[in-house]
Amino acid sequence: MEEKYYKILETGGNSPTKKFDYAPYLPKNGRPGKWLPKIEEAKLHRDGYYISKYWNMWYSEGCRIFEVEHKFMEPCDDFGVEHQACCGQIRLLRDVTETVLAEFWKHAEENRNTAEWNTGKYNTGTRNTGNFNPGNFNTGSRNTGDRNIGDFNTGDCNTGIDNVGDNNRGSGNVGSHNTGHSNTGDRNTGSYNSGDGNVGHSNTGSFNTGSRNAGKWNVGNCHVGFFNTEEPCVRMFNKPTGLKISDIKLPKWLNRKDCKKEFWNAPKKDVKAALNLPNFDYAIFEKITGISKEDFEKKLGLKSSGKR
């Protein structure tokens, strides 16, 4: 079943926010209104007709609530719950104000909200769509703060889940103004960054552009230090390789958590591939993985040389 969308208008037909005159397009005599002119390249936060599944977030006393039909809806770019949608064209199907408000007030007492215009349950703030929100204008549940889209956010204006801070777009961020997931710090764009102002993923430090950097002001990937631009070569088995991380390909069984178990189940050709890794050293490999030279010889059917 297709979800219903609504448009909130002032009594005369004006938009409460844009002051666009919808009067010529209102439903009349039980018939839907005319399609509004198409807006090319409608885009959320820019231009287009805005509608919502959650009338209570936009409703003000004295306004009218219209059920709408839509075309050319822009995909929602939010990480959390869609609180409004942008369309290239809509038409107003019917005025449902009395029906919607009657249903709302019918359930108002049993929903146990302690403030106005909540459509969920047990909210102590205002205009929440969801449950157990102590803040205002939240779309989702159990948010502490205001204007969150999603669940379990602590702070204001978060879009996503489990954010602590303000203005995060994503989930699991601790800090503010992050775009992505699981960032710790502020103004990171990407995911799994620890620090501030990183653009990329899995950076530890600040102001890095790229991924897997540790330090500050690095541009590129896999830097350890400060102000680097050229990707460093990696060390393996405690020695330089002269190779970049993108040049190293580990056998599949070495990308698993229990590599010792995977070792015995892996094809012989994949086990041999480990022996061809740059700077391979049996003693170091055994110290890290628990897989000995004798294990290799047993797996591959090699005769022991007696040397370690």
Protein backbone atom coordinates (compact mmCIF):
# COMPACT_ATOMS: atom_id res chain seq x y z
CA MET A 1 0.00 0.00 0.00
CA GLU A 2 1.40 3.36 -1.04
CA GLU A 3 2.03 5.75 1.83
CA LYS A 4 0.04 8.97 1.98
CA TYR A 5 1.71 12.35 1.66
CA TYR A 6 0.34 15.68 2.83
CA LYS A 7 0.69 19.40 2.09
CA ILE A 8 -0.04 22.01 4.75
CA LEU A 9 -1.48 25.31 3.49
CA GLU A 10 -2.87 28.44 5.08
CA THR A 11 -6.64 28.90 4.90
CA GLY A 12 -6.48 31.04 1.74
CA GLY A 13 -4.20 28.61 -0.09
CA ASN A 14 -0.80 30.18 0.57
CA SER A 15 2.19 28.09 1.57
CA PRO A 16 3.12 28.90 5.20
CA THR A 17 6.82 29.03 4.31
CA LYS A 18 7.19 30.12 0.66
CA LYS A 19 4.01 32.20 0.33
CA PHE A 20 3.31 30.50 -2.99
CA ASP A 21 -0.39 30.87 -3.89
CA TYR A 22 -1.94 27.42 -4.25
CA ALA A 23 -5.48 28.85 -4.46
CA PRO A 24 -5.92 28.14 -8.22
CA TYR A 25 -4.98 24.50 -7.62
CA LEU A 26 -7.24 23.69 -4.64
CA PRO A 27 -9.69 20.77 -4.90
CA LYS A 28 -13.25 21.83 -5.73
CA ASN A 29 -16.64 20.09 -5.60
CA GLY A 30 -15.11 16.81 -4.49
CA ARG A 31 -12.63 16.74 -7.37
CA PRO A 32 -8.83 16.91 -7.14
CA GLY A 33 -7.12 20.17 -8.01
CA LYS A 34 -5.12 20.70 -11.20
CA TRP A 35 -1.54 19.49 -11.44
CA LEU A 36 0.83 22.28 -10.47
CA PRO A 37 3.41 23.37 -13.08
CA LYS A 38 6.34 20.98 -13.34
CA ILE A 39 9.59 22.16 -11.75
CA GLU A 40 12.57 20.87 -13.68
CA GLU A 41 15.47 19.46 -11.68
CA ALA A 42 13.62 19.60 -8.38
CA LYS A 43 16.11 19.08 -5.58
CA LEU A 44 15.79 18.75 -1.81
CA HIS A 45 17.01 21.87 0.03
CA ARG A 46 16.84 23.80 -3.24
CA ASP A 47 13.70 23.95 -5.40
CA GLY A 48 10.57 21.86 -5.82
CA TYR A 49 7.26 21.05 -4.13
CA TYR A 50 7.70 19.87 -0.55
CA ILE A 51 5.37 17.26 0.93
CA SER A 52 5.53 15.03 4.00
CA LYS A 53 4.12 11.83 5.47
CA TYR A 54 4.14 13.59 8.84
CA TRP A 55 1.58 16.39 8.77
CA ASN A 56 2.01 17.12 12.49
CA MET A 57 5.58 18.39 12.02
CA TRP A 58 4.38 21.21 9.77
CA TYR A 59 0.85 21.92 10.96
CA SER A 60 -0.14 25.20 12.65
CA GLU A 61 -3.52 26.14 14.11
CA GLY A 62 -5.91 27.28 11.40
CA CYS A 63 -4.06 25.66 8.50
CA ARG A 64 -5.54 23.08 6.14
CA ILE A 65 -4.17 19.58 5.54
CA PHE A 66 -4.34 18.26 1.97
CA GLU A 67 -3.64 14.74 0.78
CA VAL A 68 -1.50 14.96 -2.37
CA GLU A 69 -0.51 12.97 -5.42
CA HIS A 70 3.05 13.40 -6.66
CA LYS A 71 5.35 12.90 -9.64
CA PHE A 72 9.13 13.10 -10.10
CA MET A 73 9.97 12.62 -6.43
CA GLU A 74 13.65 13.10 -5.67
CA PRO A 75 15.30 10.17 -3.88
CA CYS A 76 15.69 10.85 -0.18
CA ASP A 77 19.35 11.52 0.67
CA ASP A 78 18.82 11.30 4.43
CA PHE A 79 20.46 8.56 6.45
CA GLY A 80 17.58 8.42 8.87
CA VAL A 81 13.83 8.74 8.50
CA GLU A 82 12.40 10.79 5.62
CA HIS A 83 10.78 13.82 7.26
CA GLN A 84 9.90 15.57 3.98
CA ALA A 85 10.15 14.85 0.27
CA CYS A 86 10.78 17.08 -2.74
CA CYS A 87 8.84 16.55 -5.98
CA GLY A 88 8.83 18.02 -9.47
CA GLN A 89 5.04 18.07 -9.62
CA ILE A 90 2.07 17.55 -7.28
CA ARG A 91 -1.66 18.00 -7.15
CA LEU A 92 -3.93 18.41 -4.15
CA LEU A 93 -6.37 15.50 -4.02
CA ARG A 94 -8.63 16.41 -1.12
CA ASP A 95 -8.86 18.46 2.08
CA VAL A 96 -8.51 15.96 4.93
CA THR A 97 -8.12 18.42 7.81
CA GLU A 98 -11.21 17.40 9.78
CA THR A 99 -10.61 13.68 9.28
CA VAL A 100 -6.93 13.79 10.24
CA LEU A 101 -7.43 16.02 13.28
CA ALA A 102 -10.40 13.98 14.51
CA GLU A 103 -8.30 10.81 14.38
CA PHE A 104 -5.44 12.61 16.10
CA TRP A 105 -7.55 13.83 19.02
CA LYS A 106 -9.27 10.47 19.30
CA HIS A 107 -5.97 8.85 20.21
CA ALA A 108 -4.33 11.81 21.96
CA GLU A 109 -5.09 10.67 25.51
CA GLU A 110 -4.15 7.02 24.99
CA ASN A 111 -0.82 8.02 23.40
CA ARG A 112 0.16 9.72 26.67
CA ASN A 113 2.02 12.64 25.16
CA THR A 114 2.58 15.55 27.51
CA ALA A 115 2.90 18.26 24.84
CA GLU A 116 1.19 19.24 21.59
CA TRP A 117 1.00 17.76 18.13
CA ASN A 118 2.83 14.50 18.65
CA THR A 119 1.69 11.51 16.58
CA GLY A 120 3.69 8.91 18.48
CA LYS A 121 3.52 7.90 22.11
CA TYR A 122 5.04 9.01 25.40
CA ASN A 123 6.66 12.17 24.00
CA THR A 124 7.45 15.01 26.40
CA GLY A 125 8.38 17.45 23.63
CA THR A 126 6.39 18.93 20.77
CA ARG A 127 5.63 17.83 17.17
CA ASN A 128 7.45 14.51 17.33
CA THR A 129 6.69 11.65 14.96
CA GLY A 130 7.79 8.57 16.86
CA ASN A 131 7.95 7.58 20.50
CA PHE A 132 9.64 8.56 23.74
CA ASN A 133 11.15 11.84 22.52
CA PRO A 134 11.88 14.46 25.21
CA GLY A 135 12.79 17.07 22.57
CA ASN A 136 10.95 18.74 19.71
CA PHE A 137 10.38 18.15 15.98
CA ASN A 138 11.99 14.70 16.01
CA THR A 139 11.20 12.14 13.32
CA GLY A 140 12.05 8.84 14.94
CA SER A 141 12.18 7.57 18.49
CA ARG A 142 14.08 8.10 21.72
CA ASN A 143 15.88 11.25 20.66
CA THR A 144 17.23 13.66 23.26
CA GLY A 145 17.33 17.05 21.57
CA ASP A 146 15.50 18.77 18.75
CA ARG A 147 14.94 18.27 15.02
CA ASN A 148 16.58 14.86 14.81
CA ILE A 149 15.74 12.49 11.96
CA GLY A 150 16.26 8.91 13.09
CA ASP A 151 16.51 7.18 16.45
CA PHE A 152 18.54 7.42 19.65
CA ASN A 153 20.21 10.75 18.83
CA THR A 154 21.55 12.93 21.63
CA GLY A 155 21.87 16.50 20.42
CA ASP A 156 20.15 18.59 17.78
CA CYS A 157 19.57 18.36 14.02
CA ASN A 158 21.08 14.91 13.53
CA THR A 159 20.08 12.77 10.56
CA GLY A 160 20.73 9.10 11.28
CA ILE A 161 20.97 6.83 14.30
CA ASP A 162 22.92 6.87 17.55
CA ASN A 163 24.63 10.24 17.09
CA VAL A 164 25.95 12.19 20.06
CA GLY A 165 26.40 15.83 19.11
CA ASP A 166 24.77 18.22 16.66
CA ASN A 167 24.24 18.42 12.90
CA ASN A 168 25.55 14.96 12.06
CA ARG A 169 24.44 13.22 8.87
CA GLY A 170 25.03 9.51 9.30
CA SER A 171 25.05 7.13 12.24
CA GLY A 172 27.15 6.47 15.29
CA ASN A 173 28.97 9.80 15.28
CA VAL A 174 30.34 11.31 18.48
CA GLY A 175 30.90 14.99 17.81
CA SER A 176 29.29 17.56 15.56
CA HIS A 177 28.90 18.40 11.87
CA ASN A 178 30.05 14.98 10.68
CA THR A 179 28.87 13.51 7.37
CA GLY A 180 29.27 9.74 7.41
CA HIS A 181 29.29 7.04 10.05
CA SER A 182 31.11 6.28 13.29
CA ASN A 183 33.24 9.41 13.40
CA THR A 184 34.70 10.65 16.68
CA GLY A 185 35.37 14.38 16.47
CA ASP A 186 33.96 17.29 14.51
CA ARG A 187 33.44 18.19 10.85
CA ASN A 188 34.58 14.89 9.37
CA THR A 189 33.37 13.85 5.92
CA GLY A 190 33.61 10.10 5.59
CA SER A 191 33.46 7.27 8.09
CA TYR A 192 35.45 5.86 10.99
CA ASN A 193 37.54 8.99 11.47
CA SER A 194 38.96 9.88 14.86
CA GLY A 195 39.84 13.57 15.01
CA ASP A 196 38.55 16.72 13.34
CA GLY A 197 38.18 17.98 9.80
CA ASN A 198 39.07 14.76 7.98
CA VAL A 199 37.84 14.08 4.45
CA GLY A 200 38.00 10.35 3.81
CA HIS A 201 37.77 7.20 5.88
CA SER A 202 39.51 5.63 8.87
CA ASN A 203 41.80 8.55 9.63
CA THR A 204 43.32 9.00 13.09
CA GLY A 205 44.23 12.65 13.54
CA SER A 206 42.95 15.84 11.99
CA PHE A 207 42.68 17.68 8.68
CA ASN A 208 43.62 14.65 6.59
CA THR A 209 42.33 14.29 3.03
CA GLY A 210 42.35 10.62 2.08
CA SER A 211 42.01 7.40 4.02
CA ARG A 212 43.82 5.44 6.71
CA ASN A 213 46.10 8.31 7.69
CA ALA A 214 47.55 8.74 11.19
CA GLY A 215 48.66 12.30 11.88
CA LYS A 216 47.64 15.70 10.55
CA TRP A 217 47.43 17.56 7.28
CA ASN A 218 48.20 14.54 5.10
CA VAL A 219 46.88 14.37 1.54
CA GLY A 220 46.61 10.83 0.22
CA ASN A 221 46.35 7.45 1.87
CA CYS A 222 48.15 5.46 4.55
CA HIS A 223 50.42 8.24 5.83
CA VAL A 224 51.86 8.23 9.33
CA GLY A 225 53.04 11.72 10.21
CA PHE A 226 52.37 15.28 9.07
CA PHE A 227 52.10 17.19 5.77
CA ASN A 228 52.70 14.20 3.48
CA THR A 229 51.42 13.94 -0.10
CA GLU A 230 53.15 10.87 -1.56
CA GLU A 231 51.78 7.48 -0.55
CA PRO A 232 54.41 5.64 1.49
CA CYS A 233 55.72 2.15 0.79
CA VAL A 234 54.78 -0.51 3.32
CA ARG A 235 56.94 -2.66 5.55
CA MET A 236 56.35 -6.39 5.84
CA PHE A 237 58.01 -8.77 8.25
CA ASN A 238 59.90 -5.80 9.76
CA LYS A 239 61.58 -4.84 6.47
CA PRO A 240 60.85 -2.32 3.69
CA THR A 241 59.12 -3.72 0.61
CA GLY A 242 59.37 -0.85 -1.85
CA LEU A 243 55.67 -1.49 -2.57
CA LYS A 244 52.51 0.49 -1.83
CA ILE A 245 49.66 -1.07 0.10
CA SER A 246 47.63 -1.30 -3.12
CA ASP A 247 50.38 -3.52 -4.60
CA ILE A 248 50.07 -6.13 -1.84
CA LYS A 249 47.45 -8.85 -2.26
CA LEU A 250 47.00 -11.22 0.66
CA PRO A 251 45.57 -14.71 0.05
CA LYS A 252 41.88 -14.92 0.97
CA TRP A 253 42.49 -17.05 4.05
CA LEU A 254 44.68 -14.31 5.56
CA ASN A 255 41.77 -11.87 5.40
CA ARG A 256 39.76 -13.93 7.90
CA LYS A 257 39.74 -13.49 11.67
CA ASP A 258 40.67 -17.10 12.53
CA CYS A 259 43.41 -17.48 9.95
CA LYS A 260 44.84 -20.63 11.58
CA LYS A 261 41.54 -22.44 11.08
CA GLU A 262 41.27 -21.04 7.54
CA PHE A 263 44.86 -22.20 6.84
CA TRP A 264 43.92 -25.87 7.14
CA ASN A 265 40.82 -25.41 4.96
CA ALA A 266 42.49 -23.25 2.27
CA PRO A 267 43.54 -24.65 -1.15
CA LYS A 268 47.25 -25.48 -1.37
CA LYS A 269 47.80 -22.80 -4.03
CA ASP A 270 46.51 -20.13 -1.62
CA VAL A 271 48.76 -21.44 1.15
CA LYS A 272 51.76 -21.32 -1.20
CA ALA A 273 50.84 -17.73 -2.06
CA ALA A 274 51.55 -16.74 1.55
CA LEU A 275 55.13 -18.02 1.20
CA ASN A 276 55.57 -15.64 -1.75
CA LEU A 277 54.66 -12.52 0.23
CA PRO A 278 57.44 -9.91 0.29
CA ASN A 279 60.07 -10.60 2.99
CA PHE A 280 58.22 -13.69 4.21
CA ASP A 281 59.70 -14.94 7.49
CA TYR A 282 58.55 -18.19 9.14
CA ALA A 283 59.45 -17.10 12.69
CA ILE A 284 57.59 -13.77 12.49
CA PHE A 285 54.62 -15.41 10.79
CA GLU A 286 54.36 -18.05 13.54
CA LYS A 287 54.65 -15.43 16.30
CA ILE A 288 51.69 -13.50 14.87
CA THR A 289 49.43 -16.29 13.54
CA GLY A 290 50.52 -19.41 15.42
CA ILE A 291 51.15 -21.19 12.11
CA SER A 292 54.61 -22.79 12.09
CA LYS A 293 56.98 -23.87 9.36
CA GLU A 294 56.11 -27.47 10.20
CA ASP A 295 52.43 -26.63 9.63
CA PHE A 296 53.25 -25.35 6.15
CA GLU A 297 55.29 -28.49 5.41
CA LYS A 298 52.47 -30.74 6.63
CA LYS A 299 49.82 -28.84 4.68
CA LEU A 300 51.86 -28.76 1.48
CA GLY A 301 53.38 -32.24 1.84
CA LEU A 302 56.94 -30.88 1.99
CA LYS A 303 59.86 -32.67 3.62
CA SER A 304 61.23 -30.83 6.64
CA SER A 305 64.74 -29.41 6.31
CA GLY A 306 65.19 -29.44 10.09
CA LYS A 307 65.84 -25.68 10.06
CA ARG A 308 63.69 -22.98 11.57
